[in-house]
Amino acid sequence: MTGKTLIYDGSFEGFLSCVFYVFEYKLANVSIQNEFSIQNALFSENVTIITNTSKSDRVWKGLKQKASSISSTKIYYAFLSEQLGVENVLLNYIQYIFNSNEKVDTDFTQSSVLKTSQIAKNVSREKHRMEAFVRFKLTKDNIYFANIEPDFNVLPLISKHFKSRYADQKWVIYDIKRNYGLFYDLKTLEIVQMDFPKNFDFSKTDKNFFSEEEFEFQKLWQNYFKSTNITERKNMKLHVQHVPKRYWKYLSEKQPKF
């Protein structure tokens, strides 16, 4: 039996548009794939699904009515994991929700419920770490800039935290892995894409882009960190457990001395 592979644009609304299509045509043998990671399957017909916000909104609204807010949040978090095949796990979970007369949020005997919960937990952990470890640097344009490179696409999840915490300053948080960022101009928050010089080293504070004030601040911070760090009580194993090494590149106190 020939199945269908639904190709979408990578957006959450696009994914939900695919879900709508599956329910509309009562498809059974179906797979959903991001257009950026298409894996051609034998005996499968590819169908490109155009994102339709009215249809995606209907799915999302219906989902919130059938399931708890925790379930819908987990589905969104899991989607942002960008894991290969996550769309099909979520499709199965959503079908299970709509086909059940009772809430199935904690029915971990169903594989897609358990898998979605596990993936969402990992994404949530990454979100909280980004909120804790992001460090801004003051540019010559008087805009605070921070680059991140998270395992998951958590930028949409951390925007509320930083908009609230740094409401009185202009800032950019840029995901260099996914080549897009958030720019807050004291009034609005918008998605931006930027062109950086070839082989630009984000781990260094380049004097061509960052202010002299930023260098002074980093010196002060490094000196403070050194003075409060008691060598005799140093527990590197515990330290790495709380601050994994892959996050050190964001921290001023971990950068080379000036």
Protein backbone atom coordinates (compact mmCIF):
# COMPACT_ATOMS: atom_id res chain seq x y z
CA MET A 1 0.00 0.00 0.00
CA THR A 2 1.41 3.37 -1.07
CA GLY A 3 1.71 5.87 1.75
CA LYS A 4 1.99 9.63 1.73
CA THR A 5 4.83 11.82 2.96
CA LEU A 6 3.68 15.32 3.85
CA ILE A 7 6.37 17.96 3.34
CA TYR A 8 6.08 21.23 5.29
CA ASP A 9 8.09 24.42 5.71
CA GLY A 10 9.57 23.68 9.15
CA SER A 11 7.28 26.01 11.11
CA PHE A 12 4.99 24.88 13.91
CA GLU A 13 2.01 26.25 11.98
CA GLY A 14 3.17 24.23 8.98
CA PHE A 15 3.33 21.07 11.06
CA LEU A 16 -0.20 21.66 12.41
CA SER A 17 -1.39 22.26 8.84
CA CYS A 18 -0.11 18.76 8.04
CA VAL A 19 -2.00 17.38 11.04
CA PHE A 20 -5.17 19.05 9.73
CA TYR A 21 -4.58 17.43 6.32
CA VAL A 22 -4.20 14.00 7.94
CA PHE A 23 -7.53 14.34 9.77
CA GLU A 24 -9.28 15.94 6.78
CA TYR A 25 -8.45 13.05 4.46
CA LYS A 26 -8.44 10.37 7.18
CA LEU A 27 -4.94 9.26 6.23
CA ALA A 28 -3.52 6.16 7.91
CA ASN A 29 -0.23 5.38 6.20
CA VAL A 30 1.36 8.83 6.45
CA SER A 31 4.62 10.49 7.47
CA ILE A 32 5.43 14.19 8.07
CA GLN A 33 8.82 15.61 7.15
CA ASN A 34 10.48 19.01 7.34
CA GLU A 35 11.43 20.25 3.86
CA PHE A 36 15.00 20.81 5.11
CA SER A 37 15.50 17.17 6.11
CA ILE A 38 13.59 15.15 3.54
CA GLN A 39 14.32 11.43 3.51
CA ASN A 40 12.80 9.79 0.48
CA ALA A 41 10.92 6.61 1.29
CA LEU A 42 10.16 3.78 -1.10
CA PHE A 43 6.54 3.50 -2.26
CA SER A 44 5.65 6.87 -0.77
CA GLU A 45 3.98 9.79 -2.50
CA ASN A 46 5.32 13.21 -1.52
CA VAL A 47 2.73 15.92 -0.93
CA THR A 48 3.78 19.52 -0.19
CA ILE A 49 1.52 21.11 2.41
CA ILE A 50 1.20 24.89 2.30
CA THR A 51 1.02 26.48 5.74
CA ASN A 52 -2.52 27.62 6.48
CA THR A 53 -2.84 29.51 9.76
CA SER A 54 -6.63 29.15 9.93
CA LYS A 55 -6.27 25.36 9.73
CA SER A 56 -3.33 25.24 12.15
CA ASP A 57 -5.29 27.43 14.59
CA ARG A 58 -8.23 25.02 14.44
CA VAL A 59 -5.97 22.08 15.29
CA TRP A 60 -4.29 23.98 18.13
CA LYS A 61 -7.60 25.20 19.56
CA GLY A 62 -9.08 21.71 19.39
CA LEU A 63 -6.00 20.25 21.00
CA LYS A 64 -6.21 22.65 23.93
CA GLN A 65 -9.87 21.73 24.43
CA LYS A 66 -9.17 17.99 24.39
CA ALA A 67 -5.97 17.97 26.41
CA SER A 68 -4.48 19.90 29.30
CA SER A 69 -2.31 22.98 28.82
CA ILE A 70 0.63 20.86 30.00
CA SER A 71 0.12 18.48 27.08
CA SER A 72 -0.05 21.25 24.48
CA THR A 73 3.06 22.84 25.99
CA LYS A 74 4.92 19.52 25.83
CA ILE A 75 3.94 19.11 22.18
CA TYR A 76 5.30 22.57 21.33
CA TYR A 77 8.50 22.03 23.32
CA ALA A 78 9.07 18.63 21.70
CA PHE A 79 8.53 20.14 18.26
CA LEU A 80 11.28 22.69 18.97
CA SER A 81 13.71 19.84 19.66
CA GLU A 82 14.09 19.47 15.87
CA GLN A 83 14.84 15.77 16.40
CA LEU A 84 14.59 13.68 13.26
CA GLY A 85 11.15 12.07 13.10
CA VAL A 86 9.69 14.04 16.01
CA GLU A 87 6.78 15.13 13.79
CA ASN A 88 5.55 11.56 13.52
CA VAL A 89 5.81 11.02 17.27
CA LEU A 90 3.74 14.16 17.79
CA LEU A 91 1.23 13.19 15.10
CA ASN A 92 0.68 9.87 16.84
CA TYR A 93 0.28 11.65 20.19
CA ILE A 94 -2.21 14.17 18.75
CA GLN A 95 -4.24 11.39 17.09
CA TYR A 96 -4.30 9.54 20.40
CA ILE A 97 -5.59 12.67 22.15
CA PHE A 98 -8.38 13.30 19.64
CA ASN A 99 -9.40 9.62 19.54
CA SER A 100 -9.67 9.33 23.33
CA ASN A 101 -12.70 10.25 25.41
CA GLU A 102 -10.59 10.95 28.48
CA LYS A 103 -7.45 12.95 29.17
CA VAL A 104 -4.37 10.94 28.19
CA ASP A 105 -1.67 13.34 29.42
CA THR A 106 -0.07 10.85 31.79
CA ASP A 107 -0.77 7.63 29.93
CA PHE A 108 2.90 6.71 29.59
CA THR A 109 2.02 3.21 28.48
CA GLN A 110 1.43 4.83 25.09
CA SER A 111 4.84 5.24 23.48
CA SER A 112 4.24 8.64 21.85
CA VAL A 113 3.00 10.13 25.14
CA LEU A 114 6.13 8.96 26.93
CA LYS A 115 8.48 9.97 24.11
CA THR A 116 6.96 13.45 23.81
CA SER A 117 7.29 13.98 27.56
CA GLN A 118 10.93 12.89 27.55
CA ILE A 119 11.87 15.13 24.62
CA ALA A 120 9.99 18.11 26.07
CA LYS A 121 11.83 17.68 29.37
CA ASN A 122 15.20 17.91 27.60
CA VAL A 123 14.09 21.04 25.73
CA SER A 124 12.82 22.61 28.96
CA ARG A 125 16.17 21.94 30.64
CA GLU A 126 17.98 23.63 27.75
CA LYS A 127 15.61 26.61 27.98
CA HIS A 128 16.39 27.16 31.66
CA ARG A 129 20.13 26.80 31.07
CA MET A 130 20.05 29.39 28.31
CA GLU A 131 18.19 31.79 30.61
CA ALA A 132 20.86 31.26 33.26
CA PHE A 133 24.01 31.27 31.16
CA VAL A 134 23.42 33.89 28.46
CA ARG A 135 25.87 36.79 28.85
CA PHE A 136 25.43 40.05 26.97
CA LYS A 137 28.26 42.16 25.58
CA LEU A 138 27.89 45.88 24.92
CA THR A 139 28.51 46.79 21.27
CA LYS A 140 29.75 50.12 19.93
CA ASP A 141 26.15 50.78 18.82
CA ASN A 142 25.09 50.62 22.46
CA ILE A 143 23.17 47.39 21.93
CA TYR A 144 23.72 44.41 24.19
CA PHE A 145 24.55 41.33 22.11
CA ALA A 146 24.60 37.67 23.10
CA ASN A 147 25.21 34.67 20.89
CA ILE A 148 23.90 31.22 21.71
CA GLU A 149 24.26 27.80 20.13
CA PRO A 150 21.71 25.59 21.91
CA ASP A 151 21.08 21.93 21.16
CA PHE A 152 17.40 22.73 20.59
CA ASN A 153 15.56 25.67 19.06
CA VAL A 154 14.78 27.35 22.39
CA LEU A 155 14.98 30.96 21.23
CA PRO A 156 11.15 31.27 21.04
CA LEU A 157 10.95 29.95 24.61
CA ILE A 158 13.40 32.38 26.24
CA SER A 159 12.13 35.60 24.65
CA LYS A 160 9.57 36.32 27.40
CA HIS A 161 12.18 35.95 30.14
CA PHE A 162 14.68 38.36 28.59
CA LYS A 163 12.06 40.89 27.48
CA SER A 164 10.86 41.07 31.08
CA ARG A 165 14.28 41.07 32.70
CA TYR A 166 16.00 43.52 30.35
CA ALA A 167 13.09 45.76 29.41
CA ASP A 168 15.15 48.95 29.77
CA GLN A 169 17.89 48.19 27.25
CA LYS A 170 18.23 47.27 23.61
CA TRP A 171 19.48 43.74 23.05
CA VAL A 172 20.00 40.99 20.52
CA ILE A 173 20.15 37.27 21.28
CA TYR A 174 21.43 35.44 18.22
CA ASP A 175 21.32 31.71 17.58
CA ILE A 176 24.43 31.20 15.45
CA LYS A 177 23.57 27.55 14.88
CA ARG A 178 20.22 28.38 13.24
CA ASN A 179 21.19 31.81 11.90
CA TYR A 180 18.42 33.90 13.38
CA GLY A 181 17.93 36.01 16.45
CA LEU A 182 15.67 38.22 18.54
CA PHE A 183 16.06 42.00 18.61
CA TYR A 184 14.42 44.07 21.33
CA ASP A 185 14.37 47.84 20.72
CA LEU A 186 12.70 48.90 24.00
CA LYS A 187 9.26 48.64 22.39
CA THR A 188 8.94 45.60 20.18
CA LEU A 189 10.56 42.20 19.83
CA GLU A 190 11.30 41.00 16.34
CA ILE A 191 13.04 38.15 14.57
CA VAL A 192 16.21 39.16 12.71
CA GLN A 193 18.89 37.63 10.53
CA MET A 194 22.39 39.05 10.45
CA ASP A 195 25.46 38.74 8.25
CA PHE A 196 28.69 38.24 10.16
CA PRO A 197 32.24 38.40 8.75
CA LYS A 198 33.52 35.09 7.42
CA ASN A 199 35.07 32.90 10.15
CA PHE A 200 33.89 35.34 12.82
CA ASP A 201 34.98 34.06 16.24
CA PHE A 202 32.01 34.46 18.60
CA SER A 203 34.05 33.24 21.56
CA LYS A 204 36.19 36.41 21.50
CA THR A 205 35.30 40.02 22.22
CA ASP A 206 36.37 41.79 19.04
CA LYS A 207 37.46 45.42 19.56
CA ASN A 208 36.03 46.29 16.15
CA PHE A 209 32.51 45.58 17.34
CA PHE A 210 32.41 45.89 21.13
CA SER A 211 32.83 48.99 23.29
CA GLU A 212 35.75 49.79 25.58
CA GLU A 213 33.28 49.75 28.45
CA GLU A 214 32.62 46.08 27.74
CA PHE A 215 36.31 45.19 28.14
CA GLU A 216 36.45 47.03 31.46
CA PHE A 217 33.36 45.23 32.66
CA GLN A 218 34.79 41.83 31.73
CA LYS A 219 38.00 42.62 33.62
CA LEU A 220 36.01 43.59 36.72
CA TRP A 221 33.86 40.49 36.48
CA GLN A 222 36.83 38.16 36.06
CA ASN A 223 38.58 39.75 39.04
CA TYR A 224 35.44 39.42 41.14
CA PHE A 225 35.03 35.78 40.15
CA LYS A 226 38.66 35.06 40.99
CA SER A 227 38.44 36.77 44.40
CA THR A 228 35.32 34.84 45.41
CA ASN A 229 36.59 31.49 44.15
CA ILE A 230 38.21 29.75 47.14
CA THR A 231 40.82 27.34 45.75
CA GLU A 232 40.73 25.03 48.78
CA ARG A 233 37.00 24.46 48.30
CA LYS A 234 37.14 23.99 44.57
CA ASN A 235 35.10 20.98 43.40
CA MET A 236 35.46 20.78 39.63
CA LYS A 237 33.27 17.69 39.29
CA LEU A 238 30.35 19.43 41.02
CA HIS A 239 31.04 22.66 39.14
CA VAL A 240 30.86 20.95 35.74
CA GLN A 241 27.68 19.19 36.84
CA HIS A 242 25.99 22.53 37.46
CA VAL A 243 27.69 24.43 34.63
CA PRO A 244 28.51 21.99 31.80
CA LYS A 245 31.61 22.87 29.80
CA ARG A 246 29.65 23.46 26.60
CA TYR A 247 28.16 26.58 28.22
CA TRP A 248 31.51 28.06 29.28
CA LYS A 249 31.91 29.93 26.01
CA TYR A 250 28.97 32.15 27.04
CA LEU A 251 30.47 33.13 30.40
CA SER A 252 32.74 36.14 30.88
CA GLU A 253 34.48 34.53 33.85
CA LYS A 254 35.56 31.62 31.64
CA GLN A 255 37.15 33.70 28.92
CA PRO A 256 40.93 34.20 28.56
CA LYS A 257 42.42 36.95 30.73
CA PHE A 258 43.02 40.31 29.04
